[in-house]
Amino acid sequence: MTEMRIPVKLKYAEDFVRIYATGAIGGFNGYDFRIAFFNDIVNHPEGPSQPPTVTREIKVEIILSPVALKQLTRWLNQHLTELEKIIGEIKDQYPQPPGRRETQSGYYV
């Protein structure tokens, strides 16, 4: 049996937005996976004796089904591998947090 290919047309929604993110955080439960994209804003204090603080401004949250998460992971890994072949290994700036924990809402973060 021959596999039939159906063409897919891309169309941007009228309210489509593009954002730049410096990081992502997220969590999951048995039904979906959530990724929130953020930008870090450095707040400089008035006095020289106080250290700066950072505010993480969350720009958008994406909620994915397990299947969509698997597809996104495959797509990201493929493109990351291709990019690193061109520019070299990308070093992660931030240490990974220890283990996963369940929140009050039932999500693992």
PDB file of N, CA and C in Angstrom:
ATOM      1  N   MET A   1       0.839  -1.181   0.000  1.00  0.00           N
ATOM      2  CA  MET A   1       0.000   0.000   0.000  1.00  0.00           C
ATOM      3  C   MET A   1       0.885   1.246   0.000  1.00  0.00           C
ATOM      4  N   THR A   2       0.580   2.192  -0.855  1.00  0.00           N
ATOM      5  CA  THR A   2       1.354   3.419  -0.983  1.00  0.00           C
ATOM      6  C   THR A   2       0.889   4.444   0.049  1.00  0.00           C
ATOM      7  N   GLU A   3       1.871   5.096   0.673  1.00  0.00           N
ATOM      8  CA  GLU A   3       1.538   6.132   1.650  1.00  0.00           C
ATOM      9  C   GLU A   3       1.170   7.409   0.911  1.00  0.00           C
ATOM     10  N   MET A   4       0.027   7.978   1.257  1.00  0.00           N
ATOM     11  CA  MET A   4      -0.436   9.198   0.604  1.00  0.00           C
ATOM     12  C   MET A   4       0.068  10.414   1.380  1.00  0.00           C
ATOM     13  N   ARG A   5       0.690  11.334   0.692  1.00  0.00           N
ATOM     14  CA  ARG A   5       1.186  12.572   1.310  1.00  0.00           C
ATOM     15  C   ARG A   5       0.159  13.677   1.114  1.00  0.00           C
ATOM     16  N   ILE A   6      -0.213  14.296   2.210  1.00  0.00           N
ATOM     17  CA  ILE A   6      -1.161  15.406   2.151  1.00  0.00           C
ATOM     18  C   ILE A   6      -0.381  16.691   2.377  1.00  0.00           C
ATOM     19  N   PRO A   7      -0.431  17.641   1.426  1.00  0.00           N
ATOM     20  CA  PRO A   7       0.303  18.897   1.619  1.00  0.00           C
ATOM     21  C   PRO A   7      -0.273  19.694   2.793  1.00  0.00           C
ATOM     22  N   VAL A   8       0.617  20.321   3.541  1.00  0.00           N
ATOM     23  CA  VAL A   8       0.220  21.144   4.685  1.00  0.00           C
ATOM     24  C   VAL A   8       0.617  22.582   4.398  1.00  0.00           C
ATOM     25  N   LYS A   9      -0.331  23.493   4.535  1.00  0.00           N
ATOM     26  CA  LYS A   9      -0.082  24.912   4.307  1.00  0.00           C
ATOM     27  C   LYS A   9       0.051  25.599   5.664  1.00  0.00           C
ATOM     28  N   LEU A  10       1.083  26.421   5.825  1.00  0.00           N
ATOM     29  CA  LEU A  10       1.260  27.189   7.055  1.00  0.00           C
ATOM     30  C   LEU A  10       0.593  28.545   6.912  1.00  0.00           C
ATOM     31  N   LYS A  11      -0.131  28.936   7.957  1.00  0.00           N
ATOM     32  CA  LYS A  11      -0.788  30.241   7.967  1.00  0.00           C
ATOM     33  C   LYS A  11      -0.621  30.825   9.363  1.00  0.00           C
ATOM     34  N   TYR A  12      -0.061  32.030   9.451  1.00  0.00           N
ATOM     35  CA  TYR A  12       0.081  32.707  10.736  1.00  0.00           C
ATOM     36  C   TYR A  12      -1.267  33.300  11.147  1.00  0.00           C
ATOM     37  N   ALA A  13      -1.643  33.117  12.409  1.00  0.00           N
ATOM     38  CA  ALA A  13      -2.872  33.698  12.939  1.00  0.00           C
ATOM     39  C   ALA A  13      -2.745  35.217  12.957  1.00  0.00           C
ATOM     40  N   GLU A  14      -3.868  35.900  12.930  1.00  0.00           N
ATOM     41  CA  GLU A  14      -3.845  37.366  12.953  1.00  0.00           C
ATOM     42  C   GLU A  14      -3.197  37.901  14.221  1.00  0.00           C
ATOM     43  N   ASP A  15      -3.335  37.170  15.331  1.00  0.00           N
ATOM     44  CA  ASP A  15      -2.756  37.621  16.599  1.00  0.00           C
ATOM     45  C   ASP A  15      -1.401  36.961  16.888  1.00  0.00           C
ATOM     46  N   PHE A  16      -0.746  36.441  15.868  1.00  0.00           N
ATOM     47  CA  PHE A  16       0.563  35.805  16.009  1.00  0.00           C
ATOM     48  C   PHE A  16       1.569  36.800  16.584  1.00  0.00           C
ATOM     49  N   VAL A  17       2.376  36.337  17.550  1.00  0.00           N
ATOM     50  CA  VAL A  17       3.436  37.166  18.122  1.00  0.00           C
ATOM     51  C   VAL A  17       4.735  36.374  18.134  1.00  0.00           C
ATOM     52  N   ARG A  18       5.820  37.089  18.043  1.00  0.00           N
ATOM     53  CA  ARG A  18       7.154  36.488  18.117  1.00  0.00           C
ATOM     54  C   ARG A  18       7.845  37.115  19.313  1.00  0.00           C
ATOM     55  N   ILE A  19       8.443  36.279  20.167  1.00  0.00           N
ATOM     56  CA  ILE A  19       9.144  36.798  21.342  1.00  0.00           C
ATOM     57  C   ILE A  19      10.564  36.253  21.360  1.00  0.00           C
ATOM     58  N   TYR A  20      11.433  36.948  22.077  1.00  0.00           N
ATOM     59  CA  TYR A  20      12.789  36.475  22.339  1.00  0.00           C
ATOM     60  C   TYR A  20      12.822  36.044  23.794  1.00  0.00           C
ATOM     61  N   ALA A  21      13.389  34.884  24.069  1.00  0.00           N
ATOM     62  CA  ALA A  21      13.463  34.380  25.437  1.00  0.00           C
ATOM     63  C   ALA A  21      14.907  34.054  25.788  1.00  0.00           C
ATOM     64  N   THR A  22      15.270  34.351  27.037  1.00  0.00           N
ATOM     65  CA  THR A  22      16.612  34.005  27.521  1.00  0.00           C
ATOM     66  C   THR A  22      16.612  32.687  28.275  1.00  0.00           C
ATOM     67  N   GLY A  23      15.433  32.127  28.517  1.00  0.00           N
ATOM     68  CA  GLY A  23      15.368  30.855  29.232  1.00  0.00           C
ATOM     69  C   GLY A  23      13.967  30.288  29.243  1.00  0.00           C
ATOM     70  N   ALA A  24      13.863  29.084  29.818  1.00  0.00           N
ATOM     71  CA  ALA A  24      12.579  28.404  29.912  1.00  0.00           C
ATOM     72  C   ALA A  24      12.526  27.594  31.203  1.00  0.00           C
ATOM     73  N   ILE A  25      11.340  27.521  31.762  1.00  0.00           N
ATOM     74  CA  ILE A  25      11.082  26.659  32.909  1.00  0.00           C
ATOM     75  C   ILE A  25       9.802  25.901  32.607  1.00  0.00           C
ATOM     76  N   GLY A  26       9.559  24.834  33.310  1.00  0.00           N
ATOM     77  CA  GLY A  26       8.333  24.112  33.027  1.00  0.00           C
ATOM     78  C   GLY A  26       8.089  22.972  33.979  1.00  0.00           C
ATOM     79  N   GLY A  27       7.067  22.233  33.667  1.00  0.00           N
ATOM     80  CA  GLY A  27       6.692  21.088  34.473  1.00  0.00           C
ATOM     81  C   GLY A  27       5.717  20.219  33.704  1.00  0.00           C
ATOM     82  N   PHE A  28       5.331  19.107  34.321  1.00  0.00           N
ATOM     83  CA  PHE A  28       4.418  18.189  33.653  1.00  0.00           C
ATOM     84  C   PHE A  28       3.574  17.450  34.676  1.00  0.00           C
ATOM     85  N   ASN A  29       2.465  16.888  34.193  1.00  0.00           N
ATOM     86  CA  ASN A  29       1.659  15.961  34.973  1.00  0.00           C
ATOM     87  C   ASN A  29       1.334  14.794  34.051  1.00  0.00           C
ATOM     88  N   GLY A  30       0.352  14.002  34.373  1.00  0.00           N
ATOM     89  CA  GLY A  30       0.026  12.852  33.539  1.00  0.00           C
ATOM     90  C   GLY A  30      -0.652  13.187  32.232  1.00  0.00           C
ATOM     91  N   TYR A  31      -1.047  14.439  32.049  1.00  0.00           N
ATOM     92  CA  TYR A  31      -1.822  14.814  30.867  1.00  0.00           C
ATOM     93  C   TYR A  31      -1.097  15.727  29.896  1.00  0.00           C
ATOM     94  N   ASP A  32      -0.256  16.619  30.421  1.00  0.00           N
ATOM     95  CA  ASP A  32       0.388  17.576  29.531  1.00  0.00           C
ATOM     96  C   ASP A  32       1.721  18.042  30.089  1.00  0.00           C
ATOM     97  N   PHE A  33       2.427  18.777  29.252  1.00  0.00           N
ATOM     98  CA  PHE A  33       3.742  19.314  29.577  1.00  0.00           C
ATOM     99  C   PHE A  33       3.669  20.809  29.334  1.00  0.00           C
ATOM    100  N   ARG A  34       4.164  21.611  30.290  1.00  0.00           N
ATOM    101  CA  ARG A  34       4.086  23.069  30.174  1.00  0.00           C
ATOM    102  C   ARG A  34       5.486  23.670  30.162  1.00  0.00           C
ATOM    103  N   ILE A  35       5.711  24.572  29.221  1.00  0.00           N
ATOM    104  CA  ILE A  35       6.983  25.280  29.118  1.00  0.00           C
ATOM    105  C   ILE A  35       6.675  26.774  29.133  1.00  0.00           C
ATOM    106  N   ALA A  36       7.259  27.490  30.095  1.00  0.00           N
ATOM    107  CA  ALA A  36       7.114  28.944  30.167  1.00  0.00           C
ATOM    108  C   ALA A  36       8.437  29.568  29.744  1.00  0.00           C
ATOM    109  N   PHE A  37       8.377  30.482  28.799  1.00  0.00           N
ATOM    110  CA  PHE A  37       9.573  31.159  28.304  1.00  0.00           C
ATOM    111  C   PHE A  37       9.683  32.523  28.975  1.00  0.00           C
ATOM    112  N   PHE A  38      10.909  32.881  29.379  1.00  0.00           N
ATOM    113  CA  PHE A  38      11.097  34.114  30.140  1.00  0.00           C
ATOM    114  C   PHE A  38      12.307  34.894  29.664  1.00  0.00           C
ATOM    115  N   ASN A  39      12.371  36.144  30.129  1.00  0.00           N
ATOM    116  CA  ASN A  39      13.549  37.002  29.985  1.00  0.00           C
ATOM    117  C   ASN A  39      13.973  37.421  31.377  1.00  0.00           C
ATOM    118  N   ASP A  40      15.275  37.395  31.630  1.00  0.00           N
ATOM    119  CA  ASP A  40      15.816  37.872  32.896  1.00  0.00           C
ATOM    120  C   ASP A  40      16.054  39.374  32.808  1.00  0.00           C
ATOM    121  N   ILE A  41      15.573  40.098  33.809  1.00  0.00           N
ATOM    122  CA  ILE A  41      15.776  41.542  33.895  1.00  0.00           C
ATOM    123  C   ILE A  41      16.604  41.806  35.143  1.00  0.00           C
ATOM    124  N   VAL A  42      17.774  42.412  34.968  1.00  0.00           N
ATOM    125  CA  VAL A  42      18.646  42.717  36.102  1.00  0.00           C
ATOM    126  C   VAL A  42      18.216  44.052  36.689  1.00  0.00           C
ATOM    127  N   ASN A  43      17.934  44.046  37.997  1.00  0.00           N
ATOM    128  CA  ASN A  43      17.526  45.252  38.722  1.00  0.00           C
ATOM    129  C   ASN A  43      18.717  45.743  39.532  1.00  0.00           C
ATOM    130  N   HIS A  44      19.179  46.936  39.224  1.00  0.00           N
ATOM    131  CA  HIS A  44      20.324  47.502  39.940  1.00  0.00           C
ATOM    132  C   HIS A  44      19.816  48.336  41.111  1.00  0.00           C
ATOM    133  N   PRO A  45      20.316  48.073  42.317  1.00  0.00           N
ATOM    134  CA  PRO A  45      19.843  48.794  43.501  1.00  0.00           C
ATOM    135  C   PRO A  45      20.330  50.239  43.519  1.00  0.00           C
ATOM    136  N   GLU A  46      19.694  51.011  44.367  1.00  0.00           N
ATOM    137  CA  GLU A  46      20.066  52.425  44.520  1.00  0.00           C
ATOM    138  C   GLU A  46      21.443  52.571  45.163  1.00  0.00           C
ATOM    139  N   GLY A  47      21.657  51.833  46.243  1.00  0.00           N
ATOM    140  CA  GLY A  47      22.910  51.962  46.984  1.00  0.00           C
ATOM    141  C   GLY A  47      23.957  50.962  46.535  1.00  0.00           C
ATOM    142  N   PRO A  48      25.237  51.317  46.659  1.00  0.00           N
ATOM    143  CA  PRO A  48      26.308  50.425  46.207  1.00  0.00           C
ATOM    144  C   PRO A  48      26.489  49.191  47.094  1.00  0.00           C
ATOM    145  N   SER A  49      25.942  49.203  48.311  1.00  0.00           N
ATOM    146  CA  SER A  49      26.142  48.069  49.213  1.00  0.00           C
ATOM    147  C   SER A  49      25.150  46.937  48.969  1.00  0.00           C
ATOM    148  N   GLN A  50      24.134  47.170  48.155  1.00  0.00           N
ATOM    149  CA  GLN A  50      23.136  46.139  47.885  1.00  0.00           C
ATOM    150  C   GLN A  50      23.451  45.442  46.562  1.00  0.00           C
ATOM    151  N   PRO A  51      23.336  44.105  46.546  1.00  0.00           N
ATOM    152  CA  PRO A  51      23.600  43.387  45.295  1.00  0.00           C
ATOM    153  C   PRO A  51      22.430  43.554  44.322  1.00  0.00           C
ATOM    154  N   PRO A  52      22.691  43.395  43.037  1.00  0.00           N
ATOM    155  CA  PRO A  52      21.588  43.455  42.077  1.00  0.00           C
ATOM    156  C   PRO A  52      20.667  42.247  42.259  1.00  0.00           C
ATOM    157  N   THR A  53      19.444  42.382  41.816  1.00  0.00           N
ATOM    158  CA  THR A  53      18.489  41.274  41.825  1.00  0.00           C
ATOM    159  C   THR A  53      18.052  40.999  40.394  1.00  0.00           C
ATOM    160  N   VAL A  54      17.460  39.846  40.193  1.00  0.00           N
ATOM    161  CA  VAL A  54      16.988  39.471  38.861  1.00  0.00           C
ATOM    162  C   VAL A  54      15.493  39.179  38.931  1.00  0.00           C
ATOM    163  N   THR A  55      14.754  39.740  37.992  1.00  0.00           N
ATOM    164  CA  THR A  55      13.333  39.438  37.836  1.00  0.00           C
ATOM    165  C   THR A  55      13.182  38.604  36.577  1.00  0.00           C
ATOM    166  N   ARG A  56      12.510  37.466  36.693  1.00  0.00           N
ATOM    167  CA  ARG A  56      12.224  36.632  35.527  1.00  0.00           C
ATOM    168  C   ARG A  56      10.830  36.982  35.033  1.00  0.00           C
ATOM    169  N   GLU A  57      10.779  37.651  33.906  1.00  0.00           N
ATOM    170  CA  GLU A  57       9.499  38.046  33.329  1.00  0.00           C
ATOM    171  C   GLU A  57       9.048  36.960  32.358  1.00  0.00           C
ATOM    172  N   ILE A  58       7.979  36.256  32.721  1.00  0.00           N
ATOM    173  CA  ILE A  58       7.467  35.180  31.872  1.00  0.00           C
ATOM    174  C   ILE A  58       6.657  35.804  30.748  1.00  0.00           C
ATOM    175  N   LYS A  59       7.048  35.470  29.520  1.00  0.00           N
ATOM    176  CA  LYS A  59       6.430  36.056  28.334  1.00  0.00           C
ATOM    177  C   LYS A  59       5.260  35.226  27.815  1.00  0.00           C
ATOM    178  N   VAL A  60       5.421  33.890  27.855  1.00  0.00           N
ATOM    179  CA  VAL A  60       4.398  33.016  27.282  1.00  0.00           C
ATOM    180  C   VAL A  60       4.567  31.617  27.865  1.00  0.00           C
ATOM    181  N   GLU A  61       3.467  30.878  27.946  1.00  0.00           N
ATOM    182  CA  GLU A  61       3.516  29.477  28.360  1.00  0.00           C
ATOM    183  C   GLU A  61       2.892  28.637  27.257  1.00  0.00           C
ATOM    184  N   ILE A  62       3.564  27.555  26.921  1.00  0.00           N
ATOM    185  CA  ILE A  62       3.083  26.626  25.904  1.00  0.00           C
ATOM    186  C   ILE A  62       2.686  25.335  26.610  1.00  0.00           C
ATOM    187  N   ILE A  63       1.500  24.803  26.294  1.00  0.00           N
ATOM    188  CA  ILE A  63       1.030  23.549  26.874  1.00  0.00           C
ATOM    189  C   ILE A  63       1.003  22.520  25.746  1.00  0.00           C
ATOM    190  N   LEU A  64       1.730  21.409  25.953  1.00  0.00           N
ATOM    191  CA  LEU A  64       1.878  20.386  24.918  1.00  0.00           C
ATOM    192  C   LEU A  64       1.324  19.043  25.379  1.00  0.00           C
ATOM    193  N   SER A  65       0.762  18.295  24.448  1.00  0.00           N
ATOM    194  CA  SER A  65       0.403  16.908  24.726  1.00  0.00           C
ATOM    195  C   SER A  65       1.691  16.088  24.761  1.00  0.00           C
ATOM    196  N   PRO A  66       1.671  14.886  25.344  1.00  0.00           N
ATOM    197  CA  PRO A  66       2.879  14.055  25.334  1.00  0.00           C
ATOM    198  C   PRO A  66       3.403  13.780  23.918  1.00  0.00           C
ATOM    199  N   VAL A  67       2.504  13.576  22.959  1.00  0.00           N
ATOM    200  CA  VAL A  67       2.933  13.326  21.574  1.00  0.00           C
ATOM    201  C   VAL A  67       3.608  14.567  20.998  1.00  0.00           C
ATOM    202  N   ALA A  68       3.018  15.742  21.207  1.00  0.00           N
ATOM    203  CA  ALA A  68       3.616  16.983  20.708  1.00  0.00           C
ATOM    204  C   ALA A  68       4.964  17.234  21.368  1.00  0.00           C
ATOM    205  N   LEU A  69       5.090  16.908  22.665  1.00  0.00           N
ATOM    206  CA  LEU A  69       6.368  17.050  23.361  1.00  0.00           C
ATOM    207  C   LEU A  69       7.427  16.167  22.721  1.00  0.00           C
ATOM    208  N   LYS A  70       7.083  14.936  22.408  1.00  0.00           N
ATOM    209  CA  LYS A  70       8.026  14.006  21.778  1.00  0.00           C
ATOM    210  C   LYS A  70       8.461  14.542  20.412  1.00  0.00           C
ATOM    211  N   GLN A  71       7.520  15.048  19.633  1.00  0.00           N
ATOM    212  CA  GLN A  71       7.839  15.595  18.313  1.00  0.00           C
ATOM    213  C   GLN A  71       8.727  16.828  18.434  1.00  0.00           C
ATOM    214  N   LEU A  72       8.417  17.716  19.383  1.00  0.00           N
ATOM    215  CA  LEU A  72       9.223  18.916  19.590  1.00  0.00           C
ATOM    216  C   LEU A  72      10.635  18.549  20.032  1.00  0.00           C
ATOM    217  N   THR A  73      10.750  17.586  20.937  1.00  0.00           N
ATOM    218  CA  THR A  73      12.063  17.149  21.410  1.00  0.00           C
ATOM    219  C   THR A  73      12.903  16.616  20.258  1.00  0.00           C
ATOM    220  N   ARG A  74      12.321  15.808  19.410  1.00  0.00           N
ATOM    221  CA  ARG A  74      13.038  15.263  18.249  1.00  0.00           C
ATOM    222  C   ARG A  74      13.489  16.391  17.318  1.00  0.00           C
ATOM    223  N   TRP A  75      12.592  17.336  17.045  1.00  0.00           N
ATOM    224  CA  TRP A  75      12.898  18.459  16.154  1.00  0.00           C
ATOM    225  C   TRP A  75      14.010  19.323  16.738  1.00  0.00           C
ATOM    226  N   LEU A  76      13.910  19.655  18.040  1.00  0.00           N
ATOM    227  CA  LEU A  76      14.936  20.480  18.684  1.00  0.00           C
ATOM    228  C   LEU A  76      16.293  19.781  18.694  1.00  0.00           C
ATOM    229  N   ASN A  77      16.320  18.498  19.048  1.00  0.00           N
ATOM    230  CA  ASN A  77      17.591  17.762  19.082  1.00  0.00           C
ATOM    231  C   ASN A  77      18.244  17.699  17.707  1.00  0.00           C
ATOM    232  N   GLN A  78      17.447  17.471  16.674  1.00  0.00           N
ATOM    233  CA  GLN A  78      17.978  17.417  15.307  1.00  0.00           C
ATOM    234  C   GLN A  78      18.607  18.757  14.919  1.00  0.00           C
ATOM    235  N   HIS A  79      17.905  19.848  15.178  1.00  0.00           N
ATOM    236  CA  HIS A  79      18.412  21.160  14.789  1.00  0.00           C
ATOM    237  C   HIS A  79      19.570  21.620  15.672  1.00  0.00           C
ATOM    238  N   LEU A  80      19.557  21.258  16.946  1.00  0.00           N
ATOM    239  CA  LEU A  80      20.672  21.585  17.833  1.00  0.00           C
ATOM    240  C   LEU A  80      21.937  20.870  17.372  1.00  0.00           C
ATOM    241  N   THR A  81      21.817  19.611  16.991  1.00  0.00           N
ATOM    242  CA  THR A  81      22.969  18.859  16.486  1.00  0.00           C
ATOM    243  C   THR A  81      23.534  19.520  15.233  1.00  0.00           C
ATOM    244  N   GLU A  82      22.652  19.924  14.320  1.00  0.00           N
ATOM    245  CA  GLU A  82      23.099  20.592  13.095  1.00  0.00           C
ATOM    246  C   GLU A  82      23.776  21.924  13.401  1.00  0.00           C
ATOM    247  N   LEU A  83      23.220  22.701  14.326  1.00  0.00           N
ATOM    248  CA  LEU A  83      23.803  23.993  14.690  1.00  0.00           C
ATOM    249  C   LEU A  83      25.182  23.809  15.315  1.00  0.00           C
ATOM    250  N   GLU A  84      25.320  22.838  16.226  1.00  0.00           N
ATOM    251  CA  GLU A  84      26.607  22.624  16.893  1.00  0.00           C
ATOM    252  C   GLU A  84      27.676  22.104  15.930  1.00  0.00           C
ATOM    253  N   LYS A  85      27.274  21.445  14.858  1.00  0.00           N
ATOM    254  CA  LYS A  85      28.246  21.055  13.829  1.00  0.00           C
ATOM    255  C   LYS A  85      28.838  22.295  13.164  1.00  0.00           C
ATOM    256  N   ILE A  86      28.049  23.351  13.085  1.00  0.00           N
ATOM    257  CA  ILE A  86      28.486  24.584  12.428  1.00  0.00           C
ATOM    258  C   ILE A  86      29.271  25.481  13.383  1.00  0.00           C
ATOM    259  N   ILE A  87      28.748  25.695  14.607  1.00  0.00           N
ATOM    260  CA  ILE A  87      29.358  26.682  15.511  1.00  0.00           C
ATOM    261  C   ILE A  87      30.119  26.078  16.685  1.00  0.00           C
ATOM    262  N   GLY A  88      30.073  24.770  16.837  1.00  0.00           N
ATOM    263  CA  GLY A  88      30.721  24.124  17.978  1.00  0.00           C
ATOM    264  C   GLY A  88      29.745  23.921  19.128  1.00  0.00           C
ATOM    265  N   GLU A  89      30.212  23.229  20.162  1.00  0.00           N
ATOM    266  CA  GLU A  89      29.351  22.898  21.298  1.00  0.00           C
ATOM    267  C   GLU A  89      28.862  24.159  22.015  1.00  0.00           C
ATOM    268  N   ILE A  90      27.589  24.166  22.347  1.00  0.00           N
ATOM    269  CA  ILE A  90      26.992  25.264  23.103  1.00  0.00           C
ATOM    270  C   ILE A  90      27.026  24.873  24.572  1.00  0.00           C
ATOM    271  N   LYS A  91      27.665  25.689  25.386  1.00  0.00           N
ATOM    272  CA  LYS A  91      27.779  25.421  26.825  1.00  0.00           C
ATOM    273  C   LYS A  91      26.556  25.977  27.543  1.00  0.00           C
ATOM    274  N   ASP A  92      25.993  25.181  28.449  1.00  0.00           N
ATOM    275  CA  ASP A  92      24.870  25.631  29.272  1.00  0.00           C
ATOM    276  C   ASP A  92      25.408  26.554  30.352  1.00  0.00           C
ATOM    277  N   GLN A  93      24.825  27.744  30.488  1.00  0.00           N
ATOM    278  CA  GLN A  93      25.305  28.741  31.444  1.00  0.00           C
ATOM    279  C   GLN A  93      24.882  28.450  32.869  1.00  0.00           C
ATOM    280  N   TYR A  94      23.777  27.750  33.030  1.00  0.00           N
ATOM    281  CA  TYR A  94      23.202  27.587  34.355  1.00  0.00           C
ATOM    282  C   TYR A  94      23.281  26.130  34.796  1.00  0.00           C
ATOM    283  N   PRO A  95      23.595  25.885  36.065  1.00  0.00           N
ATOM    284  CA  PRO A  95      23.595  24.504  36.556  1.00  0.00           C
ATOM    285  C   PRO A  95      22.176  23.948  36.568  1.00  0.00           C
ATOM    286  N   GLN A  96      22.053  22.650  36.382  1.00  0.00           N
ATOM    287  CA  GLN A  96      20.741  22.016  36.401  1.00  0.00           C
ATOM    288  C   GLN A  96      20.248  21.876  37.835  1.00  0.00           C
ATOM    289  N   PRO A  97      18.969  22.146  38.080  1.00  0.00           N
ATOM    290  CA  PRO A  97      18.450  22.004  39.437  1.00  0.00           C
ATOM    291  C   PRO A  97      18.430  20.535  39.858  1.00  0.00           C
ATOM    292  N   PRO A  98      18.561  20.267  41.152  1.00  0.00           N
ATOM    293  CA  PRO A  98      18.556  18.878  41.607  1.00  0.00           C
ATOM    294  C   PRO A  98      17.171  18.263  41.508  1.00  0.00           C
ATOM    295  N   GLY A  99      17.075  17.071  40.929  1.00  0.00           N
ATOM    296  CA  GLY A  99      15.844  16.277  40.916  1.00  0.00           C
ATOM    297  C   GLY A  99      14.569  17.009  40.553  1.00  0.00           C
ATOM    298  N   ARG A 100      13.522  16.269  40.440  1.00  0.00           N
ATOM    299  CA  ARG A 100      12.193  16.818  40.161  1.00  0.00           C
ATOM    300  C   ARG A 100      11.386  16.795  41.448  1.00  0.00           C
ATOM    301  N   ARG A 101      10.465  17.742  41.566  1.00  0.00           N
ATOM    302  CA  ARG A 101       9.582  17.748  42.725  1.00  0.00           C
ATOM    303  C   ARG A 101       8.162  18.038  42.264  1.00  0.00           C
ATOM    304  N   GLU A 102       7.197  17.514  43.007  1.00  0.00           N
ATOM    305  CA  GLU A 102       5.795  17.733  42.671  1.00  0.00           C
ATOM    306  C   GLU A 102       5.301  18.989  43.373  1.00  0.00           C
ATOM    307  N   THR A 103       4.588  19.841  42.630  1.00  0.00           N
ATOM    308  CA  THR A 103       4.035  21.066  43.202  1.00  0.00           C
ATOM    309  C   THR A 103       2.634  20.792  43.741  1.00  0.00           C
ATOM    310  N   GLN A 104       2.051  21.771  44.423  1.00  0.00           N
ATOM    311  CA  GLN A 104       0.696  21.626  44.958  1.00  0.00           C
ATOM    312  C   GLN A 104      -0.331  21.416  43.855  1.00  0.00           C
ATOM    313  N   SER A 105      -0.060  21.935  42.664  1.00  0.00           N
ATOM    314  CA  SER A 105      -1.006  21.786  41.558  1.00  0.00           C
ATOM    315  C   SER A 105      -0.886  20.439  40.865  1.00  0.00           C
ATOM    316  N   GLY A 106       0.045  19.588  41.320  1.00  0.00           N
ATOM    317  CA  GLY A 106       0.191  18.266  40.726  1.00  0.00           C
ATOM    318  C   GLY A 106       1.178  18.195  39.590  1.00  0.00           C
ATOM    319  N   TYR A 107       1.866  19.297  39.317  1.00  0.00           N
ATOM    320  CA  TYR A 107       2.855  19.313  38.251  1.00  0.00           C
ATOM    321  C   TYR A 107       4.223  18.989  38.805  1.00  0.00           C
ATOM    322  N   TYR A 108       5.014  18.293  38.015  1.00  0.00           N
ATOM    323  CA  TYR A 108       6.400  18.027  38.376  1.00  0.00           C
ATOM    324  C   TYR A 108       7.267  19.085  37.730  1.00  0.00           C
ATOM    325  N   VAL A 109       8.102  19.723  38.531  1.00  0.00           N
ATOM    326  CA  VAL A 109       8.982  20.773  38.016  1.00  0.00           C
ATOM    327  C   VAL A 109      10.415  20.440  38.333  1.00  0.00           C
TER     328      VAL A 109
END
